[in-house]
Amino acid sequence: MPCRTYAKYWDRVVESRTDWTFRVIDVDTNSESANKHNIMSLPTTVLMLDDRVVAKHTGVMMEKEINEKLDHWS
């Protein structure tokens, strides 16, 4: 259920931000990525710049929170 809640905020951010590339990874089918980023709980957001992790958040974030993180690293 948390992933479905998060998806509505995430989708709005993805639609409105053209300055970032977004990916959604299904950890059930891509355990390699989950292990690489030490994802233990869902939803988890990993923000990467130049192939390095600059921020990681576990749990639901509201649209404003997601945008604030993106703005911080823009």
Protein backbone atom coordinates (compact mmCIF):
# COMPACT_ATOMS: atom_id res chain seq x y z
CA MET A 1 0.00 0.00 0.00
CA PRO A 2 2.75 2.58 0.73
CA CYS A 3 4.10 2.12 -2.80
CA ARG A 4 0.69 2.88 -4.30
CA THR A 5 0.37 5.98 -2.14
CA TYR A 6 3.84 7.12 -3.12
CA ALA A 7 3.21 6.44 -6.80
CA LYS A 8 0.65 9.23 -7.11
CA TYR A 9 3.14 11.81 -5.79
CA TRP A 10 6.03 10.30 -7.74
CA ASP A 11 4.07 10.30 -11.01
CA ARG A 12 3.23 14.01 -10.66
CA VAL A 13 6.89 14.85 -10.12
CA VAL A 14 8.00 12.74 -13.08
CA GLU A 15 5.46 14.48 -15.33
CA SER A 16 6.50 17.97 -14.23
CA ARG A 17 10.30 17.65 -14.10
CA THR A 18 12.19 17.49 -17.35
CA ASP A 19 15.54 18.29 -15.71
CA TRP A 20 15.90 14.76 -14.23
CA THR A 21 15.74 11.22 -15.56
CA PHE A 22 13.51 8.95 -13.50
CA ARG A 23 13.41 5.17 -13.17
CA VAL A 24 11.23 2.84 -11.19
CA ILE A 25 12.81 -0.48 -10.36
CA ASP A 26 10.81 -3.51 -9.32
CA VAL A 27 13.00 -5.05 -6.63
CA ASP A 28 11.17 -8.37 -6.95
CA THR A 29 12.45 -8.77 -10.50
CA ASN A 30 15.69 -6.80 -10.11
CA SER A 31 17.23 -7.96 -6.85
CA GLU A 32 20.69 -6.97 -8.08
CA SER A 33 19.79 -3.25 -7.94
CA ALA A 34 18.09 -3.70 -4.57
CA ASN A 35 21.20 -5.34 -3.16
CA LYS A 36 23.54 -2.80 -4.73
CA HIS A 37 21.70 0.07 -3.03
CA ASN A 38 20.98 -1.84 0.19
CA ILE A 39 17.22 -1.47 -0.16
CA MET A 40 15.51 -3.22 2.73
CA SER A 41 12.14 -1.43 2.86
CA LEU A 42 9.75 -0.02 0.31
CA PRO A 43 9.28 2.49 -1.06
CA THR A 44 12.88 3.66 -1.22
CA THR A 45 14.04 6.58 -3.33
CA VAL A 46 17.67 6.73 -4.41
CA LEU A 47 18.88 10.00 -5.93
CA MET A 48 21.97 9.63 -8.09
CA LEU A 49 24.23 12.11 -9.84
CA ASP A 50 27.06 10.98 -12.10
CA ASP A 51 26.44 7.34 -11.08
CA ARG A 52 26.89 8.03 -7.37
CA VAL A 53 24.25 8.06 -4.65
CA VAL A 54 23.77 11.56 -3.21
CA ALA A 55 20.56 10.94 -1.25
CA LYS A 56 18.45 8.01 -0.13
CA HIS A 57 15.05 8.05 1.53
CA THR A 58 12.93 5.16 2.74
CA GLY A 59 9.20 5.71 3.06
CA VAL A 60 6.59 7.82 1.35
CA MET A 61 7.53 11.38 0.43
CA MET A 62 4.98 13.96 -0.60
CA GLU A 63 5.37 15.72 -3.94
CA LYS A 64 6.82 18.82 -2.23
CA GLU A 65 9.48 16.74 -0.43
CA ILE A 66 10.56 15.01 -3.62
CA ASN A 67 10.86 18.34 -5.43
CA GLU A 68 12.85 19.84 -2.56
CA LYS A 69 15.38 17.01 -2.74
CA LEU A 70 15.64 17.37 -6.51
CA ASP A 71 16.01 21.16 -6.26
CA HIS A 72 18.74 20.76 -3.65
CA TRP A 73 20.82 18.63 -6.02
CA SER A 74 20.01 20.52 -9.25
